[in-house]
């Protein structure tokens, strides 16, 4: 899925796509970071970013998810 397309997908659908391996959490976070960098000069809303930490957290969130769900039933 292309970055601009990710921005229009509802969060519930993105979560399902991440679980199904169609997209990674890192790709989603990256798409939003890119968009924030594009529009923030106009809006001036972001005072201090934590983009690097967000990418690291997205990488971490993806890996344990794949490990946690293998062979596990969710109630």
PDB file of N, CA and C in Angstrom:
ATOM      1  N   UNK A   1       0.848  -1.172   0.000  1.00  0.00           N
ATOM      2  CA  UNK A   1       0.000   0.000   0.000  1.00  0.00           C
ATOM      3  C   UNK A   1       0.899   1.243   0.000  1.00  0.00           C
ATOM      4  N   UNK A   2       0.595   2.211  -0.832  1.00  0.00           N
ATOM      5  CA  UNK A   2       1.393   3.434  -0.910  1.00  0.00           C
ATOM      6  C   UNK A   2       1.136   4.325   0.293  1.00  0.00           C
ATOM      7  N   UNK A   3       2.126   5.125   0.663  1.00  0.00           N
ATOM      8  CA  UNK A   3       2.014   6.005   1.829  1.00  0.00           C
ATOM      9  C   UNK A   3       0.792   6.909   1.809  1.00  0.00           C
ATOM     10  N   UNK A   4       0.519   7.643   0.705  1.00  0.00           N
ATOM     11  CA  UNK A   4      -0.673   8.506   0.735  1.00  0.00           C
ATOM     12  C   UNK A   4      -1.964   7.720   0.937  1.00  0.00           C
ATOM     13  N   UNK A   5      -2.016   6.514   0.416  1.00  0.00           N
ATOM     14  CA  UNK A   5      -3.214   5.692   0.574  1.00  0.00           C
ATOM     15  C   UNK A   5      -3.420   5.307   2.038  1.00  0.00           C
ATOM     16  N   UNK A   6      -2.341   5.106   2.775  1.00  0.00           N
ATOM     17  CA  UNK A   6      -2.451   4.731   4.187  1.00  0.00           C
ATOM     18  C   UNK A   6      -3.146   5.815   5.007  1.00  0.00           C
ATOM     19  N   UNK A   7      -2.995   7.045   4.597  1.00  0.00           N
ATOM     20  CA  UNK A   7      -3.554   8.163   5.351  1.00  0.00           C
ATOM     21  C   UNK A   7      -5.075   8.218   5.271  1.00  0.00           C
ATOM     22  N   UNK A   8      -5.648   7.548   4.303  1.00  0.00           N
ATOM     23  CA  UNK A   8      -7.101   7.591   4.123  1.00  0.00           C
ATOM     24  C   UNK A   8      -7.802   6.346   4.664  1.00  0.00           C
ATOM     25  N   UNK A   9      -7.041   5.396   5.149  1.00  0.00           N
ATOM     26  CA  UNK A   9      -7.609   4.134   5.642  1.00  0.00           C
ATOM     27  C   UNK A   9      -8.026   4.294   7.102  1.00  0.00           C
ATOM     28  N   UNK A  10      -9.234   3.883   7.469  1.00  0.00           N
ATOM     29  CA  UNK A  10      -9.660   3.952   8.873  1.00  0.00           C
ATOM     30  C   UNK A  10      -8.734   3.126   9.774  1.00  0.00           C
ATOM     31  N   UNK A  11      -8.601   3.555  11.015  1.00  0.00           N
ATOM     32  CA  UNK A  11      -7.690   2.911  11.958  1.00  0.00           C
ATOM     33  C   UNK A  11      -8.012   1.429  12.155  1.00  0.00           C
ATOM     34  N   UNK A  12      -9.295   1.083  12.196  1.00  0.00           N
ATOM     35  CA  UNK A  12      -9.683  -0.317  12.389  1.00  0.00           C
ATOM     36  C   UNK A  12      -9.186  -1.165  11.222  1.00  0.00           C
ATOM     37  N   UNK A  13      -9.302  -0.638  10.011  1.00  0.00           N
ATOM     38  CA  UNK A  13      -8.825  -1.348   8.818  1.00  0.00           C
ATOM     39  C   UNK A  13      -7.307  -1.448   8.831  1.00  0.00           C
ATOM     40  N   UNK A  14      -6.621  -0.371   9.237  1.00  0.00           N
ATOM     41  CA  UNK A  14      -5.159  -0.420   9.325  1.00  0.00           C
ATOM     42  C   UNK A  14      -4.714  -1.493  10.313  1.00  0.00           C
ATOM     43  N   UNK A  15      -5.395  -1.575  11.451  1.00  0.00           N
ATOM     44  CA  UNK A  15      -5.052  -2.593  12.446  1.00  0.00           C
ATOM     45  C   UNK A  15      -5.226  -3.991  11.870  1.00  0.00           C
ATOM     46  N   UNK A  16      -6.293  -4.199  11.136  1.00  0.00           N
ATOM     47  CA  UNK A  16      -6.521  -5.502  10.505  1.00  0.00           C
ATOM     48  C   UNK A  16      -5.449  -5.783   9.463  1.00  0.00           C
ATOM     49  N   UNK A  17      -5.100  -4.782   8.677  1.00  0.00           N
ATOM     50  CA  UNK A  17      -4.060  -4.957   7.658  1.00  0.00           C
ATOM     51  C   UNK A  17      -2.711  -5.277   8.292  1.00  0.00           C
ATOM     52  N   UNK A  18      -2.424  -4.656   9.427  1.00  0.00           N
ATOM     53  CA  UNK A  18      -1.176  -4.955  10.143  1.00  0.00           C
ATOM     54  C   UNK A  18      -1.194  -6.400  10.634  1.00  0.00           C
ATOM     55  N   UNK A  19      -2.300  -6.813  11.240  1.00  0.00           N
ATOM     56  CA  UNK A  19      -2.403  -8.199  11.728  1.00  0.00           C
ATOM     57  C   UNK A  19      -2.276  -9.206  10.603  1.00  0.00           C
ATOM     58  N   UNK A  20      -2.821  -8.874   9.438  1.00  0.00           N
ATOM     59  CA  UNK A  20      -2.794  -9.789   8.289  1.00  0.00           C
ATOM     60  C   UNK A  20      -1.486  -9.701   7.502  1.00  0.00           C
ATOM     61  N   UNK A  21      -0.596  -8.813   7.893  1.00  0.00           N
ATOM     62  CA  UNK A  21       0.694  -8.703   7.234  1.00  0.00           C
ATOM     63  C   UNK A  21       0.668  -7.941   5.911  1.00  0.00           C
ATOM     64  N   UNK A  22      -0.422  -7.239   5.636  1.00  0.00           N
ATOM     65  CA  UNK A  22      -0.523  -6.472   4.390  1.00  0.00           C
ATOM     66  C   UNK A  22       0.313  -5.200   4.456  1.00  0.00           C
ATOM     67  N   UNK A  23       0.529  -4.714   5.661  1.00  0.00           N
ATOM     68  CA  UNK A  23       1.306  -3.500   5.903  1.00  0.00           C
ATOM     69  C   UNK A  23       1.927  -3.652   7.284  1.00  0.00           C
ATOM     70  N   UNK A  24       3.048  -2.979   7.527  1.00  0.00           N
ATOM     71  CA  UNK A  24       3.659  -3.037   8.855  1.00  0.00           C
ATOM     72  C   UNK A  24       3.328  -1.768   9.627  1.00  0.00           C
ATOM     73  N   UNK A  25       3.423  -1.873  10.939  1.00  0.00           N
ATOM     74  CA  UNK A  25       3.188  -0.697  11.766  1.00  0.00           C
ATOM     75  C   UNK A  25       4.214   0.386  11.456  1.00  0.00           C
ATOM     76  N   UNK A  26       5.417  -0.026  11.102  1.00  0.00           N
ATOM     77  CA  UNK A  26       6.461   0.937  10.742  1.00  0.00           C
ATOM     78  C   UNK A  26       6.082   1.716   9.478  1.00  0.00           C
ATOM     79  N   UNK A  27       5.471   1.049   8.520  1.00  0.00           N
ATOM     80  CA  UNK A  27       5.035   1.742   7.303  1.00  0.00           C
ATOM     81  C   UNK A  27       3.942   2.764   7.617  1.00  0.00           C
ATOM     82  N   UNK A  28       3.024   2.395   8.479  1.00  0.00           N
ATOM     83  CA  UNK A  28       1.936   3.309   8.846  1.00  0.00           C
ATOM     84  C   UNK A  28       2.498   4.524   9.576  1.00  0.00           C
ATOM     85  N   UNK A  29       3.339   4.281  10.563  1.00  0.00           N
ATOM     86  CA  UNK A  29       3.939   5.385  11.309  1.00  0.00           C
ATOM     87  C   UNK A  29       4.750   6.273  10.365  1.00  0.00           C
ATOM     88  N   UNK A  30       5.497   5.655   9.466  1.00  0.00           N
ATOM     89  CA  UNK A  30       6.295   6.419   8.503  1.00  0.00           C
ATOM     90  C   UNK A  30       5.451   7.303   7.611  1.00  0.00           C
ATOM     91  N   UNK A  31       4.305   6.809   7.190  1.00  0.00           N
ATOM     92  CA  UNK A  31       3.412   7.597   6.337  1.00  0.00           C
ATOM     93  C   UNK A  31       2.895   8.819   7.084  1.00  0.00           C
ATOM     94  N   UNK A  32       2.538   8.634   8.333  1.00  0.00           N
ATOM     95  CA  UNK A  32       2.037   9.766   9.118  1.00  0.00           C
ATOM     96  C   UNK A  32       3.150  10.759   9.444  1.00  0.00           C
ATOM     97  N   UNK A  33       4.340  10.269   9.728  1.00  0.00           N
ATOM     98  CA  UNK A  33       5.471  11.168   9.974  1.00  0.00           C
ATOM     99  C   UNK A  33       5.751  12.006   8.727  1.00  0.00           C
ATOM    100  N   UNK A  34       5.750  11.366   7.576  1.00  0.00           N
ATOM    101  CA  UNK A  34       5.986  12.091   6.323  1.00  0.00           C
ATOM    102  C   UNK A  34       4.942  13.198   6.134  1.00  0.00           C
ATOM    103  N   UNK A  35       3.679  12.871   6.393  1.00  0.00           N
ATOM    104  CA  UNK A  35       2.608  13.861   6.230  1.00  0.00           C
ATOM    105  C   UNK A  35       2.747  15.001   7.231  1.00  0.00           C
ATOM    106  N   UNK A  36       3.094  14.683   8.469  1.00  0.00           N
ATOM    107  CA  UNK A  36       3.299  15.723   9.479  1.00  0.00           C
ATOM    108  C   UNK A  36       4.412  16.666   9.043  1.00  0.00           C
ATOM    109  N   UNK A  37       5.504  16.103   8.531  1.00  0.00           N
ATOM    110  CA  UNK A  37       6.620  16.943   8.070  1.00  0.00           C
ATOM    111  C   UNK A  37       6.210  17.826   6.892  1.00  0.00           C
ATOM    112  N   UNK A  38       5.304  17.340   6.064  1.00  0.00           N
ATOM    113  CA  UNK A  38       4.840  18.137   4.919  1.00  0.00           C
ATOM    114  C   UNK A  38       3.980  19.323   5.349  1.00  0.00           C
ATOM    115  N   UNK A  39       3.078  19.090   6.301  1.00  0.00           N
ATOM    116  CA  UNK A  39       2.110  20.143   6.627  1.00  0.00           C
ATOM    117  C   UNK A  39       2.465  20.970   7.856  1.00  0.00           C
ATOM    118  N   UNK A  40       3.386  20.501   8.686  1.00  0.00           N
ATOM    119  CA  UNK A  40       3.685  21.259   9.895  1.00  0.00           C
ATOM    120  C   UNK A  40       4.227  22.662   9.628  1.00  0.00           C
ATOM    121  N   UNK A  41       5.024  22.890   8.604  1.00  0.00           N
ATOM    122  CA  UNK A  41       5.464  24.268   8.365  1.00  0.00           C
ATOM    123  C   UNK A  41       4.291  25.239   8.155  1.00  0.00           C
ATOM    124  N   UNK A  42       3.191  24.745   7.621  1.00  0.00           N
ATOM    125  CA  UNK A  42       2.013  25.591   7.415  1.00  0.00           C
ATOM    126  C   UNK A  42       1.199  25.765   8.697  1.00  0.00           C
ATOM    127  N   UNK A  43       1.084  24.680   9.469  1.00  0.00           N
ATOM    128  CA  UNK A  43       0.234  24.694  10.661  1.00  0.00           C
ATOM    129  C   UNK A  43       0.976  25.075  11.937  1.00  0.00           C
ATOM    130  N   UNK A  44       2.252  24.714  11.993  1.00  0.00           N
ATOM    131  CA  UNK A  44       3.093  24.975  13.158  1.00  0.00           C
ATOM    132  C   UNK A  44       2.482  24.384  14.434  1.00  0.00           C
ATOM    133  N   UNK A  45       2.034  23.140  14.361  1.00  0.00           N
ATOM    134  CA  UNK A  45       1.429  22.469  15.509  1.00  0.00           C
ATOM    135  C   UNK A  45       2.429  21.642  16.303  1.00  0.00           C
ATOM    136  N   UNK A  46       3.417  21.081  15.632  1.00  0.00           N
ATOM    137  CA  UNK A  46       4.373  20.214  16.316  1.00  0.00           C
ATOM    138  C   UNK A  46       5.510  21.075  16.852  1.00  0.00           C
ATOM    139  N   UNK A  47       5.615  21.112  18.187  1.00  0.00           N
ATOM    140  CA  UNK A  47       6.664  21.898  18.822  1.00  0.00           C
ATOM    141  C   UNK A  47       7.928  21.057  18.943  1.00  0.00           C
ATOM    142  N   UNK A  48       7.757  19.857  19.424  1.00  0.00           N
ATOM    143  CA  UNK A  48       8.890  18.933  19.564  1.00  0.00           C
ATOM    144  C   UNK A  48       8.424  17.573  19.071  1.00  0.00           C
ATOM    145  N   UNK A  49       9.122  17.035  18.104  1.00  0.00           N
ATOM    146  CA  UNK A  49       8.716  15.732  17.583  1.00  0.00           C
ATOM    147  C   UNK A  49       9.454  14.612  18.291  1.00  0.00           C
ATOM    148  N   UNK A  50       8.919  13.434  18.153  1.00  0.00           N
ATOM    149  CA  UNK A  50       9.564  12.211  18.652  1.00  0.00           C
ATOM    150  C   UNK A  50       9.455  11.140  17.572  1.00  0.00           C
ATOM    151  N   UNK A  51       9.785  11.555  16.356  1.00  0.00           N
ATOM    152  CA  UNK A  51       9.640  10.677  15.205  1.00  0.00           C
ATOM    153  C   UNK A  51      10.544   9.450  15.288  1.00  0.00           C
ATOM    154  N   UNK A  52      11.780   9.647  15.714  1.00  0.00           N
ATOM    155  CA  UNK A  52      12.715   8.512  15.802  1.00  0.00           C
ATOM    156  C   UNK A  52      12.183   7.479  16.796  1.00  0.00           C
ATOM    157  N   UNK A  53      11.735   7.951  17.947  1.00  0.00           N
ATOM    158  CA  UNK A  53      11.197   7.042  18.956  1.00  0.00           C
ATOM    159  C   UNK A  53       9.942   6.338  18.442  1.00  0.00           C
ATOM    160  N   UNK A  54       9.117   7.049  17.694  1.00  0.00           N
ATOM    161  CA  UNK A  54       7.891   6.456  17.157  1.00  0.00           C
ATOM    162  C   UNK A  54       8.206   5.314  16.203  1.00  0.00           C
ATOM    163  N   UNK A  55       9.218   5.491  15.366  1.00  0.00           N
ATOM    164  CA  UNK A  55       9.603   4.429  14.426  1.00  0.00           C
ATOM    165  C   UNK A  55      10.145   3.222  15.186  1.00  0.00           C
ATOM    166  N   UNK A  56      10.974   3.477  16.190  1.00  0.00           N
ATOM    167  CA  UNK A  56      11.518   2.373  16.998  1.00  0.00           C
ATOM    168  C   UNK A  56      10.388   1.619  17.692  1.00  0.00           C
ATOM    169  N   UNK A  57       9.424   2.349  18.251  1.00  0.00           N
ATOM    170  CA  UNK A  57       8.289   1.704  18.909  1.00  0.00           C
ATOM    171  C   UNK A  57       7.439   0.908  17.924  1.00  0.00           C
ATOM    172  N   UNK A  58       7.297   1.426  16.714  1.00  0.00           N
ATOM    173  CA  UNK A  58       6.541   0.705  15.691  1.00  0.00           C
ATOM    174  C   UNK A  58       7.253  -0.585  15.302  1.00  0.00           C
ATOM    175  N   UNK A  59       8.570  -0.529  15.194  1.00  0.00           N
ATOM    176  CA  UNK A  59       9.338  -1.742  14.885  1.00  0.00           C
ATOM    177  C   UNK A  59       9.178  -2.766  15.997  1.00  0.00           C
ATOM    178  N   UNK A  60       9.250  -2.311  17.231  1.00  0.00           N
ATOM    179  CA  UNK A  60       9.111  -3.208  18.371  1.00  0.00           C
ATOM    180  C   UNK A  60       7.698  -3.783  18.445  1.00  0.00           C
ATOM    181  N   UNK A  61       6.712  -2.953  18.190  1.00  0.00           N
ATOM    182  CA  UNK A  61       5.321  -3.399  18.285  1.00  0.00           C
ATOM    183  C   UNK A  61       5.017  -4.479  17.261  1.00  0.00           C
ATOM    184  N   UNK A  62       5.598  -4.400  16.112  1.00  0.00           N
ATOM    185  CA  UNK A  62       5.329  -5.356  15.048  1.00  0.00           C
ATOM    186  C   UNK A  62       5.921  -6.722  15.372  1.00  0.00           C
ATOM    187  N   UNK A  63       7.146  -6.771  15.818  1.00  0.00           N
ATOM    188  CA  UNK A  63       7.814  -8.054  16.044  1.00  0.00           C
ATOM    189  C   UNK A  63       7.160  -8.881  17.145  1.00  0.00           C
ATOM    190  N   UNK A  64       6.909  -8.310  18.299  1.00  0.00           N
ATOM    191  CA  UNK A  64       6.250  -9.133  19.324  1.00  0.00           C
ATOM    192  C   UNK A  64       4.848  -9.565  18.911  1.00  0.00           C
ATOM    193  N   UNK A  65       4.165  -8.735  18.131  1.00  0.00           N
ATOM    194  CA  UNK A  65       2.809  -9.095  17.697  1.00  0.00           C
ATOM    195  C   UNK A  65       2.852 -10.405  16.930  1.00  0.00           C
ATOM    196  N   UNK A  66       3.803 -10.547  16.019  1.00  0.00           N
ATOM    197  CA  UNK A  66       3.864 -11.764  15.224  1.00  0.00           C
ATOM    198  C   UNK A  66       4.214 -12.954  16.105  1.00  0.00           C
ATOM    199  N   UNK A  67       5.027 -12.748  17.116  1.00  0.00           N
ATOM    200  CA  UNK A  67       5.407 -13.835  18.017  1.00  0.00           C
ATOM    201  C   UNK A  67       4.282 -14.183  18.985  1.00  0.00           C
ATOM    202  N   UNK A  68       3.577 -13.165  19.482  1.00  0.00           N
ATOM    203  CA  UNK A  68       2.544 -13.388  20.485  1.00  0.00           C
ATOM    204  C   UNK A  68       1.339 -14.129  19.933  1.00  0.00           C
ATOM    205  N   UNK A  69       1.060 -13.953  18.649  1.00  0.00           N
ATOM    206  CA  UNK A  69      -0.202 -14.479  18.123  1.00  0.00           C
ATOM    207  C   UNK A  69      -0.085 -15.872  17.517  1.00  0.00           C
ATOM    208  N   UNK A  70       1.103 -16.362  17.335  1.00  0.00           N
ATOM    209  CA  UNK A  70       1.262 -17.676  16.725  1.00  0.00           C
ATOM    210  C   UNK A  70       0.727 -18.746  17.667  1.00  0.00           C
ATOM    211  N   UNK A  71      -0.256 -19.480  17.194  1.00  0.00           N
ATOM    212  CA  UNK A  71      -0.825 -20.570  17.978  1.00  0.00           C
ATOM    213  C   UNK A  71      -1.635 -20.150  19.184  1.00  0.00           C
ATOM    214  N   UNK A  72      -2.039 -18.903  19.232  1.00  0.00           N
ATOM    215  CA  UNK A  72      -2.770 -18.409  20.389  1.00  0.00           C
ATOM    216  C   UNK A  72      -4.210 -18.071  20.029  1.00  0.00           C
ATOM    217  N   UNK A  73      -5.115 -18.382  20.913  1.00  0.00           N
ATOM    218  CA  UNK A  73      -6.525 -18.058  20.690  1.00  0.00           C
ATOM    219  C   UNK A  73      -6.866 -16.794  21.470  1.00  0.00           C
ATOM    220  N   UNK A  74      -7.572 -15.891  20.822  1.00  0.00           N
ATOM    221  CA  UNK A  74      -8.016 -14.654  21.467  1.00  0.00           C
ATOM    222  C   UNK A  74      -9.497 -14.793  21.790  1.00  0.00           C
ATOM    223  N   UNK A  75      -9.881 -14.400  22.979  1.00  0.00           N
ATOM    224  CA  UNK A  75     -11.271 -14.518  23.428  1.00  0.00           C
ATOM    225  C   UNK A  75     -11.954 -13.192  23.363  1.00  0.00           C
TER     226      UNK A  75
END
